[in-house]
N, C-alpha and C. Protein backbone atom coordinates (compact mmCIF):
# COMPACT_ATOMS: atom_id res chain seq x y z
N UNK A 1 8.17 0.11 -13.90
CA UNK A 1 6.92 -0.07 -13.23
C UNK A 1 6.08 1.18 -13.50
N UNK A 2 4.78 1.00 -13.60
CA UNK A 2 3.88 2.15 -13.79
C UNK A 2 2.88 2.21 -12.64
N UNK A 3 2.35 3.40 -12.43
CA UNK A 3 1.34 3.60 -11.40
C UNK A 3 0.28 4.54 -11.95
N UNK A 4 -0.96 4.28 -11.59
CA UNK A 4 -2.09 5.12 -11.98
C UNK A 4 -2.99 5.22 -10.77
N UNK A 5 -3.37 6.42 -10.39
CA UNK A 5 -4.17 6.63 -9.19
C UNK A 5 -5.59 6.98 -9.60
N UNK A 6 -6.55 6.24 -9.05
CA UNK A 6 -7.95 6.53 -9.34
C UNK A 6 -8.79 6.21 -8.12
N UNK A 7 -10.02 6.70 -8.12
CA UNK A 7 -10.94 6.38 -7.03
C UNK A 7 -12.17 5.71 -7.60
N UNK A 8 -12.81 4.91 -6.78
CA UNK A 8 -14.03 4.20 -7.17
C UNK A 8 -15.13 4.62 -6.20
N UNK A 9 -16.27 5.05 -6.74
CA UNK A 9 -17.39 5.46 -5.89
C UNK A 9 -18.17 4.23 -5.44
N UNK A 10 -19.08 4.42 -4.52
CA UNK A 10 -19.92 3.32 -4.05
C UNK A 10 -20.75 2.72 -5.18
N UNK A 11 -21.02 3.54 -6.18
CA UNK A 11 -21.82 3.08 -7.32
C UNK A 11 -20.97 2.33 -8.34
N UNK A 12 -19.66 2.27 -8.13
CA UNK A 12 -18.78 1.56 -9.05
C UNK A 12 -18.19 2.43 -10.15
N UNK A 13 -18.43 3.74 -10.09
CA UNK A 13 -17.87 4.65 -11.09
C UNK A 13 -16.42 4.97 -10.73
N UNK A 14 -15.56 5.04 -11.74
CA UNK A 14 -14.16 5.36 -11.48
C UNK A 14 -13.82 6.75 -12.00
N UNK A 15 -12.86 7.39 -11.33
CA UNK A 15 -12.39 8.71 -11.73
C UNK A 15 -10.88 8.70 -11.57
N UNK A 16 -10.17 9.08 -12.63
CA UNK A 16 -8.71 9.11 -12.59
C UNK A 16 -8.25 10.34 -11.83
N UNK A 17 -7.43 10.13 -10.81
CA UNK A 17 -6.86 11.24 -10.05
C UNK A 17 -5.49 11.64 -10.59
N UNK A 18 -4.71 10.65 -11.05
CA UNK A 18 -3.41 10.90 -11.68
C UNK A 18 -3.25 9.93 -12.83
N UNK A 19 -2.83 10.45 -13.97
CA UNK A 19 -2.61 9.61 -15.15
C UNK A 19 -1.47 8.62 -14.89
N UNK A 20 -1.39 7.59 -15.73
CA UNK A 20 -0.35 6.58 -15.60
C UNK A 20 1.03 7.23 -15.74
N UNK A 21 1.95 6.86 -14.87
CA UNK A 21 3.29 7.42 -14.89
C UNK A 21 4.31 6.33 -14.60
N UNK A 22 5.50 6.47 -15.18
CA UNK A 22 6.60 5.54 -14.93
C UNK A 22 7.24 5.89 -13.59
N UNK A 23 7.51 4.89 -12.78
CA UNK A 23 8.20 5.10 -11.51
C UNK A 23 9.30 4.06 -11.37
N UNK A 24 10.34 4.43 -10.65
CA UNK A 24 11.46 3.51 -10.40
C UNK A 24 11.31 3.02 -8.96
N UNK A 25 11.13 1.71 -8.77
CA UNK A 25 10.98 1.19 -7.41
C UNK A 25 12.29 1.28 -6.63
N UNK A 26 12.19 1.44 -5.33
CA UNK A 26 13.36 1.45 -4.47
C UNK A 26 13.87 0.03 -4.30
N UNK A 27 15.17 -0.13 -4.15
CA UNK A 27 15.73 -1.46 -3.92
C UNK A 27 15.24 -2.00 -2.58
N UNK A 28 15.12 -1.10 -1.61
CA UNK A 28 14.63 -1.47 -0.28
C UNK A 28 13.82 -0.30 0.26
N UNK A 29 12.58 -0.53 0.70
CA UNK A 29 11.75 0.57 1.21
C UNK A 29 12.37 1.23 2.43
N UNK A 30 12.16 2.53 2.55
CA UNK A 30 12.62 3.24 3.73
C UNK A 30 11.86 2.71 4.94
N UNK A 31 12.50 2.72 6.09
CA UNK A 31 11.88 2.19 7.31
C UNK A 31 10.56 2.88 7.62
N UNK A 32 10.44 4.16 7.31
CA UNK A 32 9.20 4.89 7.60
C UNK A 32 8.05 4.46 6.70
N UNK A 33 8.33 3.72 5.62
CA UNK A 33 7.29 3.27 4.70
C UNK A 33 6.84 1.84 4.97
N UNK A 34 7.44 1.18 5.94
CA UNK A 34 7.10 -0.21 6.23
C UNK A 34 5.98 -0.26 7.27
N UNK A 35 5.14 -1.28 7.16
CA UNK A 35 4.07 -1.47 8.13
C UNK A 35 4.65 -1.98 9.45
N UNK A 36 4.08 -1.58 10.57
CA UNK A 36 4.55 -2.13 11.85
C UNK A 36 4.13 -3.60 11.98
N UNK A 37 4.79 -4.31 12.86
CA UNK A 37 4.45 -5.72 13.07
C UNK A 37 3.02 -5.84 13.59
N UNK A 38 2.33 -6.88 13.16
CA UNK A 38 0.95 -7.12 13.60
C UNK A 38 0.96 -7.50 15.08
N UNK A 39 0.00 -6.99 15.82
CA UNK A 39 -0.08 -7.29 17.26
C UNK A 39 -1.34 -8.07 17.62
N UNK A 40 -2.00 -8.67 16.63
CA UNK A 40 -3.21 -9.44 16.94
C UNK A 40 -2.82 -10.73 17.67
N UNK A 41 -3.74 -11.35 18.41
CA UNK A 41 -3.44 -12.57 19.18
C UNK A 41 -2.90 -13.71 18.31
N UNK A 42 -3.36 -13.82 17.06
CA UNK A 42 -2.89 -14.91 16.20
C UNK A 42 -1.43 -14.71 15.78
N UNK A 43 -1.03 -13.48 15.54
CA UNK A 43 0.32 -13.21 15.05
C UNK A 43 1.35 -13.00 16.15
N UNK A 44 0.90 -12.57 17.32
CA UNK A 44 1.82 -12.29 18.41
C UNK A 44 2.51 -13.58 18.86
N UNK A 45 3.79 -13.47 19.14
CA UNK A 45 4.52 -14.63 19.64
C UNK A 45 4.07 -14.92 21.07
N UNK A 46 3.96 -16.19 21.44
CA UNK A 46 3.54 -16.51 22.82
C UNK A 46 4.56 -15.99 23.83
N UNK A 47 4.05 -15.49 24.95
CA UNK A 47 4.93 -14.99 26.02
C UNK A 47 5.63 -16.16 26.68
N UNK A 48 6.88 -15.96 27.03
CA UNK A 48 7.65 -17.05 27.66
C UNK A 48 7.95 -16.73 29.07
């Protein structure tokens, strides 16, 4: 897998922050890297 970091300005101009590099993905993300469960009314389980 490769990754390249860049930013885009409001005018649509891009600037490379880090050149493309090879990375090895983790088999399973660390718990600290996972998003918390959504708490919006649509996603929340109904109270019983």
